[in-house]
Amino acid sequence: MIGWLKSLLARKNLNLTEEEQAMKYLIVGLGNVGAEYEGTRHNSGFMVVDALAKNAGLNWTLSRFAMTTEMKLRGKQLLLVKPTTFMNLSGKALRYWMNETKTPLENILVVVDDIALPLGEMRMKKQGGAGGHNGLASIEQLLGTNAYCRLRVGIGDRFSRGRQIDYVLGRFEPDELAILEPKIDEAVEIVRAFVLQGADRAMNMFNHKGTGRQSADKRSE
């Protein structure tokens, strides 16, 4: 009888742990650290999680492999992460905090810039290739899968051939910021919808809003 009771309690504790894990979310904005990268197109992921933290009145803390801050959203526990590993090693920070917080893969959202989308357009996907993005490539390599949610922030493709690196590492022009900044607020709402209603619902709510499309060769980069 005692052995059966211990077994029952153990199962309940296991279920409680699983329930607690299901309430944990990891929101990772990709970018490069340092003043020289502030306001650059490649830091669009940072801009979104910065806005999320600012709206909640949160401050960032220098942690292992990242700047982090925690917030609660209707009982859900969110850890916001800005990797300090630089873009090419983004997977190192994500994998560490995923393991540290025991966050399930389906509760991870990566916010990333995308030249294949018009400036300010947002797209959420539940999986996909890196598309030439070094941050996503690092994450896929270290996680061993590309089946994780990502919110793609369009930065446009106003660069000439061979100038892509200069473009993504360049700062937004004032006319670009006038378009992008209101869209950052929309990105914050997409993150909230992902947490509160799930990826499928968030995609249904927001993915149809964009109107522009890039050429097929750009989308395949």
N, C-alpha and C. Protein backbone atom coordinates (compact mmCIF):
# COMPACT_ATOMS: atom_id res chain seq x y z
N MET A 1 0.83 -1.20 0.00
CA MET A 1 0.00 0.00 0.00
C MET A 1 0.87 1.25 0.00
N ILE A 2 1.89 1.24 0.85
CA ILE A 2 2.79 2.40 0.90
C ILE A 2 3.51 2.58 -0.42
N GLY A 3 3.94 1.45 -1.01
CA GLY A 3 4.63 1.52 -2.29
C GLY A 3 3.74 2.08 -3.39
N TRP A 4 2.46 1.68 -3.39
CA TRP A 4 1.51 2.19 -4.38
C TRP A 4 1.28 3.69 -4.20
N LEU A 5 1.20 4.13 -2.92
CA LEU A 5 1.00 5.54 -2.64
C LEU A 5 2.19 6.37 -3.11
N LYS A 6 3.38 5.87 -2.85
CA LYS A 6 4.59 6.57 -3.30
C LYS A 6 4.62 6.69 -4.82
N SER A 7 4.21 5.59 -5.48
CA SER A 7 4.19 5.61 -6.93
C SER A 7 3.19 6.64 -7.46
N LEU A 8 2.01 6.70 -6.81
CA LEU A 8 0.99 7.68 -7.21
C LEU A 8 1.48 9.10 -7.02
N LEU A 9 2.10 9.37 -5.88
CA LEU A 9 2.62 10.72 -5.62
C LEU A 9 3.71 11.09 -6.61
N ALA A 10 4.54 10.12 -6.95
CA ALA A 10 5.61 10.38 -7.92
C ALA A 10 5.02 10.76 -9.27
N ARG A 11 3.94 10.06 -9.67
CA ARG A 11 3.31 10.39 -10.95
C ARG A 11 2.69 11.77 -10.91
N LYS A 12 2.08 12.13 -9.77
CA LYS A 12 1.49 13.46 -9.65
C LYS A 12 2.57 14.54 -9.71
N ASN A 13 3.68 14.30 -9.06
CA ASN A 13 4.77 15.27 -9.09
C ASN A 13 5.31 15.42 -10.51
N LEU A 14 5.39 14.29 -11.23
CA LEU A 14 5.86 14.35 -12.60
C LEU A 14 4.91 15.18 -13.46
N ASN A 15 3.59 14.93 -13.28
CA ASN A 15 2.61 15.68 -14.04
C ASN A 15 2.67 17.16 -13.71
N LEU A 16 2.87 17.49 -12.45
CA LEU A 16 2.97 18.89 -12.04
C LEU A 16 4.17 19.54 -12.72
N THR A 17 5.28 18.82 -12.78
CA THR A 17 6.47 19.34 -13.45
C THR A 17 6.19 19.59 -14.92
N GLU A 18 5.51 18.69 -15.56
CA GLU A 18 5.17 18.86 -16.97
C GLU A 18 4.25 20.07 -17.17
N GLU A 19 3.32 20.24 -16.24
CA GLU A 19 2.42 21.39 -16.32
C GLU A 19 3.20 22.70 -16.14
N GLU A 20 4.13 22.69 -15.21
CA GLU A 20 4.94 23.88 -15.00
C GLU A 20 5.78 24.19 -16.23
N GLN A 21 6.33 23.15 -16.84
CA GLN A 21 7.12 23.36 -18.05
C GLN A 21 6.27 23.94 -19.17
N ALA A 22 5.03 23.49 -19.26
CA ALA A 22 4.13 23.97 -20.31
C ALA A 22 3.81 25.45 -20.15
N MET A 23 4.02 26.00 -18.96
CA MET A 23 3.75 27.41 -18.71
C MET A 23 4.97 28.28 -18.97
N LYS A 24 6.08 27.68 -19.32
CA LYS A 24 7.32 28.42 -19.56
C LYS A 24 7.48 28.74 -21.04
N TYR A 25 7.90 29.97 -21.34
CA TYR A 25 8.11 30.39 -22.72
C TYR A 25 9.46 31.10 -22.82
N LEU A 26 10.10 30.88 -23.94
CA LEU A 26 11.39 31.51 -24.22
C LEU A 26 11.23 32.35 -25.48
N ILE A 27 11.38 33.67 -25.34
CA ILE A 27 11.26 34.59 -26.47
C ILE A 27 12.65 35.14 -26.74
N VAL A 28 13.22 34.76 -27.87
CA VAL A 28 14.62 35.08 -28.18
C VAL A 28 14.68 36.05 -29.36
N GLY A 29 15.15 37.26 -29.12
CA GLY A 29 15.36 38.22 -30.19
C GLY A 29 16.80 38.15 -30.66
N LEU A 30 16.98 38.03 -31.96
CA LEU A 30 18.34 37.90 -32.50
C LEU A 30 18.91 39.26 -32.87
N GLY A 31 20.22 39.39 -32.68
CA GLY A 31 20.92 40.62 -33.01
C GLY A 31 22.37 40.53 -32.60
N ASN A 32 23.07 41.64 -32.73
CA ASN A 32 24.47 41.74 -32.32
C ASN A 32 24.60 42.76 -31.19
N VAL A 33 25.39 42.45 -30.19
CA VAL A 33 25.57 43.35 -29.05
C VAL A 33 26.60 44.43 -29.39
N GLY A 34 26.50 45.55 -28.68
CA GLY A 34 27.47 46.63 -28.86
C GLY A 34 26.84 47.86 -29.47
N ALA A 35 27.37 49.02 -29.08
CA ALA A 35 26.81 50.30 -29.55
C ALA A 35 26.87 50.43 -31.05
N GLU A 36 27.89 49.83 -31.67
CA GLU A 36 28.03 49.97 -33.12
C GLU A 36 26.93 49.24 -33.90
N TYR A 37 26.20 48.35 -33.21
CA TYR A 37 25.14 47.61 -33.89
C TYR A 37 23.74 48.10 -33.52
N GLU A 38 23.65 49.05 -32.61
CA GLU A 38 22.33 49.55 -32.21
C GLU A 38 21.63 50.22 -33.39
N GLY A 39 20.37 49.88 -33.57
CA GLY A 39 19.59 50.48 -34.64
C GLY A 39 19.86 49.92 -36.01
N THR A 40 20.62 48.84 -36.11
CA THR A 40 20.89 48.23 -37.41
C THR A 40 19.77 47.29 -37.80
N ARG A 41 19.65 47.02 -39.08
CA ARG A 41 18.57 46.16 -39.58
C ARG A 41 18.70 44.74 -39.03
N HIS A 42 19.93 44.29 -38.84
CA HIS A 42 20.15 42.93 -38.34
C HIS A 42 19.72 42.78 -36.88
N ASN A 43 19.46 43.89 -36.20
CA ASN A 43 19.04 43.86 -34.80
C ASN A 43 17.54 44.02 -34.62
N SER A 44 16.79 43.73 -35.65
CA SER A 44 15.33 43.86 -35.57
C SER A 44 14.75 42.96 -34.49
N GLY A 45 15.35 41.79 -34.30
CA GLY A 45 14.88 40.89 -33.24
C GLY A 45 15.05 41.51 -31.87
N PHE A 46 16.20 42.16 -31.65
CA PHE A 46 16.41 42.88 -30.40
C PHE A 46 15.35 43.95 -30.20
N MET A 47 15.00 44.66 -31.28
CA MET A 47 14.06 45.76 -31.17
C MET A 47 12.70 45.28 -30.68
N VAL A 48 12.28 44.10 -31.13
CA VAL A 48 10.98 43.58 -30.73
C VAL A 48 10.96 43.20 -29.25
N VAL A 49 11.98 42.45 -28.80
CA VAL A 49 11.98 42.05 -27.39
C VAL A 49 12.25 43.25 -26.48
N ASP A 50 13.00 44.23 -26.97
CA ASP A 50 13.17 45.47 -26.20
C ASP A 50 11.83 46.17 -25.99
N ALA A 51 11.02 46.20 -27.05
CA ALA A 51 9.71 46.84 -26.93
C ALA A 51 8.81 46.06 -25.97
N LEU A 52 8.90 44.74 -26.03
CA LEU A 52 8.10 43.91 -25.12
C LEU A 52 8.49 44.17 -23.68
N ALA A 53 9.80 44.25 -23.42
CA ALA A 53 10.28 44.52 -22.06
C ALA A 53 9.91 45.93 -21.62
N LYS A 54 10.05 46.89 -22.50
CA LYS A 54 9.73 48.29 -22.15
C LYS A 54 8.26 48.44 -21.79
N ASN A 55 7.39 47.80 -22.57
CA ASN A 55 5.95 47.88 -22.31
C ASN A 55 5.59 47.31 -20.95
N ALA A 56 6.39 46.33 -20.50
CA ALA A 56 6.13 45.69 -19.20
C ALA A 56 6.92 46.35 -18.08
N GLY A 57 7.69 47.39 -18.38
CA GLY A 57 8.47 48.09 -17.37
C GLY A 57 9.62 47.26 -16.82
N LEU A 58 10.24 46.45 -17.67
CA LEU A 58 11.29 45.54 -17.22
C LEU A 58 12.67 46.08 -17.54
N ASN A 59 13.65 45.65 -16.76
CA ASN A 59 15.05 45.96 -17.00
C ASN A 59 15.81 44.69 -17.37
N TRP A 60 16.82 44.85 -18.18
CA TRP A 60 17.63 43.72 -18.63
C TRP A 60 18.77 43.44 -17.66
N THR A 61 19.13 42.16 -17.55
CA THR A 61 20.24 41.73 -16.70
C THR A 61 21.24 40.96 -17.55
N LEU A 62 22.52 41.24 -17.34
CA LEU A 62 23.55 40.49 -18.05
C LEU A 62 23.66 39.11 -17.43
N SER A 63 23.36 38.09 -18.20
CA SER A 63 23.36 36.71 -17.74
C SER A 63 24.31 35.89 -18.61
N ARG A 64 24.28 34.60 -18.45
CA ARG A 64 25.17 33.74 -19.21
C ARG A 64 24.76 33.71 -20.68
N PHE A 65 25.64 34.11 -21.54
CA PHE A 65 25.44 34.10 -22.99
C PHE A 65 24.37 35.08 -23.48
N ALA A 66 23.79 35.90 -22.59
CA ALA A 66 22.67 36.73 -23.03
C ALA A 66 22.34 37.81 -22.02
N MET A 67 21.61 38.80 -22.52
CA MET A 67 20.87 39.71 -21.65
C MET A 67 19.49 39.10 -21.49
N THR A 68 18.99 39.05 -20.26
CA THR A 68 17.71 38.41 -20.02
C THR A 68 16.83 39.27 -19.11
N THR A 69 15.54 39.02 -19.19
CA THR A 69 14.58 39.59 -18.27
C THR A 69 13.35 38.69 -18.25
N GLU A 70 12.66 38.67 -17.13
CA GLU A 70 11.51 37.78 -16.96
C GLU A 70 10.23 38.58 -16.84
N MET A 71 9.16 38.02 -17.36
CA MET A 71 7.86 38.65 -17.22
C MET A 71 6.78 37.57 -17.15
N LYS A 72 5.64 37.96 -16.61
CA LYS A 72 4.50 37.05 -16.56
C LYS A 72 3.38 37.62 -17.42
N LEU A 73 2.67 36.71 -18.07
CA LEU A 73 1.57 37.09 -18.94
C LEU A 73 0.42 36.13 -18.68
N ARG A 74 -0.54 36.58 -17.89
CA ARG A 74 -1.71 35.77 -17.53
C ARG A 74 -1.31 34.37 -17.03
N GLY A 75 -0.38 34.36 -16.12
CA GLY A 75 0.06 33.12 -15.51
C GLY A 75 1.18 32.40 -16.23
N LYS A 76 1.46 32.80 -17.47
CA LYS A 76 2.58 32.22 -18.22
C LYS A 76 3.88 32.92 -17.82
N GLN A 77 4.96 32.16 -17.75
CA GLN A 77 6.26 32.70 -17.39
C GLN A 77 7.11 32.85 -18.65
N LEU A 78 7.49 34.07 -18.95
CA LEU A 78 8.29 34.35 -20.14
C LEU A 78 9.69 34.76 -19.74
N LEU A 79 10.67 34.18 -20.41
CA LEU A 79 12.04 34.66 -20.30
C LEU A 79 12.40 35.29 -21.64
N LEU A 80 12.67 36.58 -21.63
CA LEU A 80 13.11 37.28 -22.83
C LEU A 80 14.62 37.22 -22.91
N VAL A 81 15.14 36.92 -24.08
CA VAL A 81 16.57 36.67 -24.24
C VAL A 81 17.12 37.46 -25.43
N LYS A 82 18.23 38.18 -25.19
CA LYS A 82 19.00 38.81 -26.26
C LYS A 82 20.42 38.23 -26.18
N PRO A 83 20.76 37.30 -27.08
CA PRO A 83 22.08 36.67 -27.01
C PRO A 83 23.21 37.69 -27.08
N THR A 84 24.24 37.46 -26.28
CA THR A 84 25.45 38.29 -26.32
C THR A 84 26.58 37.55 -27.04
N THR A 85 26.22 36.49 -27.71
CA THR A 85 27.21 35.65 -28.41
C THR A 85 27.50 36.14 -29.82
N PHE A 86 26.84 37.21 -30.23
CA PHE A 86 26.81 37.69 -31.60
C PHE A 86 26.01 36.72 -32.47
N MET A 87 25.57 37.23 -33.61
CA MET A 87 24.59 36.53 -34.43
C MET A 87 25.00 35.11 -34.78
N ASN A 88 26.26 34.92 -35.18
CA ASN A 88 26.69 33.63 -35.70
C ASN A 88 26.65 32.51 -34.66
N LEU A 89 26.57 32.85 -33.37
CA LEU A 89 26.53 31.84 -32.32
C LEU A 89 25.23 31.94 -31.50
N SER A 90 24.18 32.42 -32.13
CA SER A 90 22.91 32.60 -31.43
C SER A 90 22.41 31.29 -30.81
N GLY A 91 22.66 30.18 -31.48
CA GLY A 91 22.19 28.89 -30.99
C GLY A 91 22.77 28.51 -29.64
N LYS A 92 23.97 29.00 -29.36
CA LYS A 92 24.61 28.70 -28.07
C LYS A 92 23.80 29.26 -26.92
N ALA A 93 23.36 30.50 -27.06
CA ALA A 93 22.55 31.12 -26.01
C ALA A 93 21.18 30.47 -25.91
N LEU A 94 20.55 30.22 -27.05
CA LEU A 94 19.21 29.65 -27.03
C LEU A 94 19.23 28.26 -26.39
N ARG A 95 20.18 27.44 -26.79
CA ARG A 95 20.23 26.08 -26.24
C ARG A 95 20.49 26.10 -24.74
N TYR A 96 21.36 27.00 -24.28
CA TYR A 96 21.66 27.08 -22.85
C TYR A 96 20.40 27.44 -22.07
N TRP A 97 19.69 28.48 -22.50
CA TRP A 97 18.53 28.93 -21.74
C TRP A 97 17.34 28.00 -21.90
N MET A 98 17.26 27.31 -23.01
CA MET A 98 16.23 26.29 -23.17
C MET A 98 16.43 25.18 -22.14
N ASN A 99 17.67 24.73 -22.00
CA ASN A 99 17.98 23.68 -21.03
C ASN A 99 17.88 24.18 -19.59
N GLU A 100 18.34 25.40 -19.36
CA GLU A 100 18.35 25.96 -18.01
C GLU A 100 16.93 26.13 -17.48
N THR A 101 16.02 26.56 -18.33
CA THR A 101 14.65 26.82 -17.90
C THR A 101 13.72 25.64 -18.16
N LYS A 102 14.25 24.61 -18.84
CA LYS A 102 13.46 23.42 -19.20
C LYS A 102 12.20 23.82 -19.98
N THR A 103 12.40 24.74 -20.91
CA THR A 103 11.30 25.18 -21.77
C THR A 103 11.13 24.23 -22.94
N PRO A 104 9.92 23.72 -23.18
CA PRO A 104 9.71 22.82 -24.31
C PRO A 104 9.90 23.54 -25.64
N LEU A 105 10.34 22.81 -26.64
CA LEU A 105 10.66 23.39 -27.94
C LEU A 105 9.48 24.16 -28.53
N GLU A 106 8.27 23.64 -28.34
CA GLU A 106 7.10 24.29 -28.92
C GLU A 106 6.77 25.62 -28.26
N ASN A 107 7.40 25.93 -27.12
CA ASN A 107 7.17 27.19 -26.42
C ASN A 107 8.31 28.18 -26.64
N ILE A 108 9.10 27.95 -27.66
CA ILE A 108 10.20 28.86 -27.99
C ILE A 108 9.83 29.65 -29.24
N LEU A 109 10.05 30.95 -29.19
CA LEU A 109 9.82 31.82 -30.34
C LEU A 109 11.07 32.65 -30.58
N VAL A 110 11.60 32.56 -31.79
CA VAL A 110 12.77 33.32 -32.20
C VAL A 110 12.31 34.48 -33.08
N VAL A 111 12.73 35.69 -32.75
CA VAL A 111 12.37 36.87 -33.53
C VAL A 111 13.60 37.29 -34.34
N VAL A 112 13.43 37.38 -35.64
CA VAL A 112 14.59 37.51 -36.53
C VAL A 112 14.27 38.44 -37.70
N ASP A 113 15.29 39.16 -38.18
CA ASP A 113 15.14 40.01 -39.36
C ASP A 113 15.11 39.15 -40.62
N ASP A 114 14.45 39.67 -41.67
CA ASP A 114 14.33 38.90 -42.91
C ASP A 114 14.30 39.84 -44.10
N ILE A 115 15.29 39.70 -44.99
CA ILE A 115 15.34 40.53 -46.19
C ILE A 115 14.33 40.08 -47.24
N ALA A 116 13.78 38.89 -47.09
CA ALA A 116 12.83 38.37 -48.07
C ALA A 116 11.42 38.88 -47.86
N LEU A 117 11.22 39.72 -46.85
CA LEU A 117 9.92 40.33 -46.59
C LEU A 117 10.04 41.85 -46.72
N PRO A 118 9.02 42.49 -47.25
CA PRO A 118 9.03 43.95 -47.32
C PRO A 118 9.19 44.56 -45.94
N LEU A 119 9.73 45.76 -45.90
CA LEU A 119 9.97 46.44 -44.64
C LEU A 119 8.70 46.51 -43.79
N GLY A 120 8.79 46.01 -42.55
CA GLY A 120 7.69 46.07 -41.62
C GLY A 120 6.70 44.94 -41.70
N GLU A 121 6.80 44.10 -42.72
CA GLU A 121 5.87 42.97 -42.80
C GLU A 121 6.31 41.87 -41.84
N MET A 122 5.35 41.21 -41.20
CA MET A 122 5.63 40.18 -40.21
C MET A 122 5.10 38.83 -40.70
N ARG A 123 5.85 37.79 -40.45
CA ARG A 123 5.41 36.43 -40.77
C ARG A 123 5.86 35.49 -39.66
N MET A 124 4.93 34.70 -39.14
CA MET A 124 5.29 33.66 -38.19
C MET A 124 5.28 32.31 -38.89
N LYS A 125 6.28 31.48 -38.59
CA LYS A 125 6.36 30.14 -39.13
C LYS A 125 6.70 29.18 -38.00
N LYS A 126 6.21 27.95 -38.11
CA LYS A 126 6.47 26.96 -37.07
C LYS A 126 7.74 26.17 -37.35
N GLN A 127 8.27 26.27 -38.56
CA GLN A 127 9.54 25.63 -38.88
C GLN A 127 10.01 26.19 -40.22
N GLY A 128 11.20 25.82 -40.63
CA GLY A 128 11.72 26.29 -41.91
C GLY A 128 13.22 26.34 -41.92
N GLY A 129 13.77 26.50 -43.09
CA GLY A 129 15.21 26.58 -43.24
C GLY A 129 15.76 27.92 -42.77
N ALA A 130 17.09 27.98 -42.71
CA ALA A 130 17.75 29.21 -42.25
C ALA A 130 17.69 30.31 -43.29
N GLY A 131 17.55 29.95 -44.56
CA GLY A 131 17.45 30.95 -45.61
C GLY A 131 18.67 31.84 -45.71
N GLY A 132 19.84 31.33 -45.36
CA GLY A 132 21.06 32.12 -45.43
C GLY A 132 21.30 33.00 -44.22
N HIS A 133 20.42 32.92 -43.22
CA HIS A 133 20.57 33.74 -42.01
C HIS A 133 21.47 33.00 -41.02
N ASN A 134 22.59 33.60 -40.65
CA ASN A 134 23.57 32.91 -39.79
C ASN A 134 23.03 32.61 -38.40
N GLY A 135 22.17 33.48 -37.87
CA GLY A 135 21.61 33.23 -36.55
C GLY A 135 20.72 32.00 -36.55
N LEU A 136 19.85 31.89 -37.55
CA LEU A 136 18.99 30.73 -37.66
C LEU A 136 19.79 29.47 -37.94
N ALA A 137 20.83 29.59 -38.74
CA ALA A 137 21.67 28.43 -39.04
C ALA A 137 22.33 27.90 -37.77
N SER A 138 22.79 28.79 -36.90
CA SER A 138 23.40 28.39 -35.64
C SER A 138 22.40 27.68 -34.75
N ILE A 139 21.19 28.22 -34.69
CA ILE A 139 20.15 27.60 -33.86
C ILE A 139 19.81 26.21 -34.37
N GLU A 140 19.62 26.09 -35.67
CA GLU A 140 19.29 24.79 -36.26
C GLU A 140 20.39 23.77 -36.01
N GLN A 141 21.63 24.21 -36.12
CA GLN A 141 22.75 23.29 -35.91
C GLN A 141 22.80 22.78 -34.48
N LEU A 142 22.64 23.68 -33.50
CA LEU A 142 22.79 23.28 -32.11
C LEU A 142 21.54 22.59 -31.54
N LEU A 143 20.37 22.93 -32.07
CA LEU A 143 19.17 22.23 -31.63
C LEU A 143 18.97 20.91 -32.37
N GLY A 144 19.59 20.80 -33.55
CA GLY A 144 19.43 19.59 -34.34
C GLY A 144 18.09 19.50 -35.04
N THR A 145 17.40 20.65 -35.17
CA THR A 145 16.10 20.68 -35.83
C THR A 145 15.80 22.10 -36.28
N ASN A 146 14.95 22.21 -37.31
CA ASN A 146 14.46 23.54 -37.70
C ASN A 146 12.99 23.69 -37.36
N ALA A 147 12.47 22.75 -36.55
CA ALA A 147 11.05 22.77 -36.17
C ALA A 147 10.85 23.58 -34.90
N TYR A 148 11.12 24.87 -34.98
CA TYR A 148 10.86 25.79 -33.88
C TYR A 148 10.22 27.04 -34.48
N CYS A 149 9.41 27.73 -33.69
CA CYS A 149 8.69 28.90 -34.19
C CYS A 149 9.63 30.08 -34.35
N ARG A 150 9.39 30.82 -35.42
CA ARG A 150 10.14 32.05 -35.62
C ARG A 150 9.20 33.13 -36.14
N LEU A 151 9.42 34.34 -35.67
CA LEU A 151 8.70 35.51 -36.14
C LEU A 151 9.67 36.31 -37.00
N ARG A 152 9.37 36.38 -38.27
CA ARG A 152 10.25 37.05 -39.23
C ARG A 152 9.82 38.51 -39.39
N VAL A 153 10.75 39.41 -39.19
CA VAL A 153 10.50 40.85 -39.29
C VAL A 153 11.10 41.35 -40.60
N GLY A 154 10.27 41.78 -41.49
CA GLY A 154 10.76 42.23 -42.79
C GLY A 154 11.59 43.50 -42.71
N ILE A 155 12.76 43.47 -43.35
CA ILE A 155 13.61 44.66 -43.40
C ILE A 155 13.82 45.13 -44.84
N GLY A 156 13.16 44.46 -45.79
CA GLY A 156 13.29 44.87 -47.18
C GLY A 156 14.61 44.46 -47.80
N ASP A 157 14.78 44.81 -49.07
CA ASP A 157 15.98 44.38 -49.80
C ASP A 157 16.53 45.51 -50.68
N ARG A 158 16.57 46.69 -50.10
CA ARG A 158 17.02 47.85 -50.87
C ARG A 158 18.55 47.92 -50.93
N PHE A 159 19.14 46.89 -51.48
CA PHE A 159 20.60 46.89 -51.64
C PHE A 159 20.95 46.35 -53.02
N SER A 160 22.08 46.80 -53.51
CA SER A 160 22.55 46.34 -54.82
C SER A 160 23.30 45.03 -54.66
N ARG A 161 23.55 44.35 -55.76
CA ARG A 161 24.21 43.06 -55.73
C ARG A 161 25.57 43.16 -55.02
N GLY A 162 25.80 42.23 -54.11
CA GLY A 162 27.06 42.19 -53.37
C GLY A 162 27.10 43.09 -52.15
N ARG A 163 26.00 43.80 -51.87
CA ARG A 163 26.00 44.74 -50.75
C ARG A 163 25.07 44.29 -49.63
N GLN A 164 24.71 43.02 -49.60
CA GLN A 164 23.76 42.54 -48.59
C GLN A 164 24.28 42.71 -47.17
N ILE A 165 25.55 42.36 -46.93
CA ILE A 165 26.10 42.46 -45.58
C ILE A 165 26.09 43.91 -45.10
N ASP A 166 26.52 44.81 -45.97
CA ASP A 166 26.51 46.23 -45.61
C ASP A 166 25.09 46.68 -45.29
N TYR A 167 24.13 46.17 -46.03
CA TYR A 167 22.74 46.57 -45.84
C TYR A 167 22.21 46.11 -44.49
N VAL A 168 22.37 44.82 -44.18
CA VAL A 168 21.79 44.31 -42.93
C VAL A 168 22.51 44.86 -41.70
N LEU A 169 23.78 45.20 -41.84
CA LEU A 169 24.54 45.75 -40.72
C LEU A 169 24.47 47.28 -40.69
N GLY A 170 23.74 47.86 -41.65
CA GLY A 170 23.55 49.30 -41.67
C GLY A 170 22.35 49.70 -40.82
N ARG A 171 22.33 50.96 -40.40
CA ARG A 171 21.23 51.45 -39.58
C ARG A 171 20.03 51.82 -40.45
N PHE A 172 18.84 51.68 -39.86
CA PHE A 172 17.63 52.08 -40.54
C PHE A 172 17.67 53.58 -40.84
N GLU A 173 17.23 53.95 -42.02
CA GLU A 173 17.09 55.35 -42.37
C GLU A 173 15.82 55.90 -41.71
N PRO A 174 15.74 57.23 -41.51
CA PRO A 174 14.56 57.81 -40.86
C PRO A 174 13.25 57.42 -41.54
N ASP A 175 13.22 57.36 -42.87
CA ASP A 175 11.99 56.99 -43.55
C ASP A 175 11.64 55.53 -43.31
N GLU A 176 12.64 54.69 -43.10
CA GLU A 176 12.39 53.29 -42.80
C GLU A 176 11.83 53.14 -41.39
N LEU A 177 12.41 53.89 -40.45
CA LEU A 177 11.92 53.82 -39.07
C LEU A 177 10.47 54.28 -38.97
N ALA A 178 10.09 55.25 -39.80
CA ALA A 178 8.71 55.73 -39.78
C ALA A 178 7.74 54.61 -40.15
N ILE A 179 8.20 53.68 -40.98
CA ILE A 179 7.38 52.52 -41.36
C ILE A 179 7.48 51.42 -40.32
N LEU A 180 8.70 51.18 -39.84
CA LEU A 180 8.95 50.02 -38.98
C LEU A 180 8.43 50.18 -37.56
N GLU A 181 8.62 51.34 -36.97
CA GLU A 181 8.32 51.49 -35.54
C GLU A 181 6.87 51.14 -35.19
N PRO A 182 5.87 51.57 -35.98
CA PRO A 182 4.50 51.13 -35.65
C PRO A 182 4.34 49.62 -35.77
N LYS A 183 5.11 49.00 -36.65
CA LYS A 183 5.02 47.55 -36.85
C LYS A 183 5.64 46.78 -35.69
N ILE A 184 6.58 47.42 -34.98
CA ILE A 184 7.16 46.77 -33.81
C ILE A 184 6.07 46.53 -32.77
N ASP A 185 5.14 47.47 -32.65
CA ASP A 185 4.01 47.28 -31.73
C ASP A 185 3.18 46.08 -32.15
N GLU A 186 3.00 45.90 -33.45
CA GLU A 186 2.27 44.74 -33.94
C GLU A 186 3.03 43.45 -33.61
N ALA A 187 4.36 43.49 -33.74
CA ALA A 187 5.16 42.31 -33.42
C ALA A 187 4.99 41.92 -31.96
N VAL A 188 4.91 42.91 -31.07
CA VAL A 188 4.68 42.64 -29.65
C VAL A 188 3.35 41.92 -29.47
N GLU A 189 2.32 42.34 -30.21
CA GLU A 189 1.01 41.69 -30.11
C GLU A 189 1.07 40.26 -30.65
N ILE A 190 1.90 40.03 -31.66
CA ILE A 190 2.06 38.67 -32.20
C ILE A 190 2.70 37.77 -31.15
N VAL A 191 3.70 38.28 -30.46
CA VAL A 191 4.34 37.50 -29.40
C VAL A 191 3.33 37.16 -28.32
N ARG A 192 2.53 38.13 -27.92
CA ARG A 192 1.52 37.89 -26.90
C ARG A 192 0.51 36.83 -27.37
N ALA A 193 0.12 36.91 -28.63
CA ALA A 193 -0.82 35.93 -29.16
C ALA A 193 -0.20 34.54 -29.19
N PHE A 194 1.08 34.46 -29.52
CA PHE A 194 1.78 33.17 -29.52
C PHE A 194 1.73 32.53 -28.14
N VAL A 195 1.96 33.33 -27.12
CA VAL A 195 1.98 32.81 -25.75
C VAL A 195 0.58 32.46 -25.27
N LEU A 196 -0.37 33.33 -25.51
CA LEU A 196 -1.71 33.17 -24.93
C LEU A 196 -2.63 32.27 -25.75
N GLN A 197 -2.41 32.23 -27.08
CA GLN A 197 -3.35 31.50 -27.93
C GLN A 197 -2.69 30.42 -28.79
N GLY A 198 -1.37 30.38 -28.80
CA GLY A 198 -0.68 29.35 -29.55
C GLY A 198 -0.24 29.82 -30.93
N ALA A 199 0.71 29.09 -31.52
CA ALA A 199 1.29 29.49 -32.79
C ALA A 199 0.27 29.49 -33.92
N ASP A 200 -0.57 28.46 -34.00
CA ASP A 200 -1.53 28.37 -35.11
C ASP A 200 -2.50 29.55 -35.10
N ARG A 201 -3.02 29.87 -33.92
CA ARG A 201 -3.95 30.98 -33.81
C ARG A 201 -3.26 32.31 -34.13
N ALA A 202 -2.03 32.47 -33.65
CA ALA A 202 -1.29 33.70 -33.93
C ALA A 202 -1.05 33.86 -35.43
N MET A 203 -0.72 32.77 -36.10
CA MET A 203 -0.50 32.84 -37.55
C MET A 203 -1.79 33.19 -38.27
N ASN A 204 -2.90 32.60 -37.86
CA ASN A 204 -4.19 32.90 -38.49
C ASN A 204 -4.59 34.35 -38.29
N MET A 205 -4.23 34.90 -37.13
CA MET A 205 -4.61 36.26 -36.80
C MET A 205 -3.79 37.30 -37.55
N PHE A 206 -2.50 37.03 -37.74
CA PHE A 206 -1.60 38.08 -38.21
C PHE A 206 -0.94 37.84 -39.57
N ASN A 207 -0.76 36.60 -39.99
CA ASN A 207 0.01 36.37 -41.21
C ASN A 207 -0.67 36.91 -42.46
N HIS A 208 -1.99 37.04 -42.44
CA HIS A 208 -2.71 37.51 -43.62
C HIS A 208 -2.64 39.02 -43.80
N LYS A 209 -2.10 39.72 -42.80
CA LYS A 209 -2.16 41.19 -42.84
C LYS A 209 -1.20 41.79 -43.86
N GLY A 210 -0.09 41.10 -44.14
CA GLY A 210 0.88 41.66 -45.08
C GLY A 210 0.33 41.66 -46.49
N THR A 211 0.78 42.63 -47.29
CA THR A 211 0.29 42.73 -48.66
C THR A 211 1.38 42.55 -49.68
N GLY A 212 2.60 42.96 -49.34
CA GLY A 212 3.68 42.89 -50.31
C GLY A 212 4.34 41.53 -50.37
N ARG A 213 5.03 41.27 -51.44
CA ARG A 213 5.79 40.04 -51.60
C ARG A 213 7.09 40.36 -52.31
N GLN A 214 8.14 39.59 -51.97
CA GLN A 214 9.41 39.75 -52.65
C GLN A 214 9.50 38.75 -53.78
N SER A 215 10.49 38.89 -54.61
CA SER A 215 10.67 37.97 -55.74
C SER A 215 11.04 36.60 -55.23
N ALA A 216 10.81 35.58 -56.07
CA ALA A 216 11.06 34.19 -55.68
C ALA A 216 12.52 33.95 -55.38
N ASP A 217 13.42 34.61 -56.13
CA ASP A 217 14.84 34.40 -55.88
C ASP A 217 15.25 34.96 -54.54
N LYS A 218 14.62 36.04 -54.07
CA LYS A 218 14.94 36.58 -52.76
C LYS A 218 14.43 35.67 -51.65
N ARG A 219 13.23 35.12 -51.84
CA ARG A 219 12.66 34.25 -50.81
C ARG A 219 13.47 32.99 -50.63
N SER A 220 14.18 32.58 -51.67
CA SER A 220 14.93 31.32 -51.58
C SER A 220 16.34 31.50 -51.08
N GLU A 221 16.75 32.74 -50.81
CA GLU A 221 18.12 32.97 -50.34
C GLU A 221 18.33 32.37 -48.96
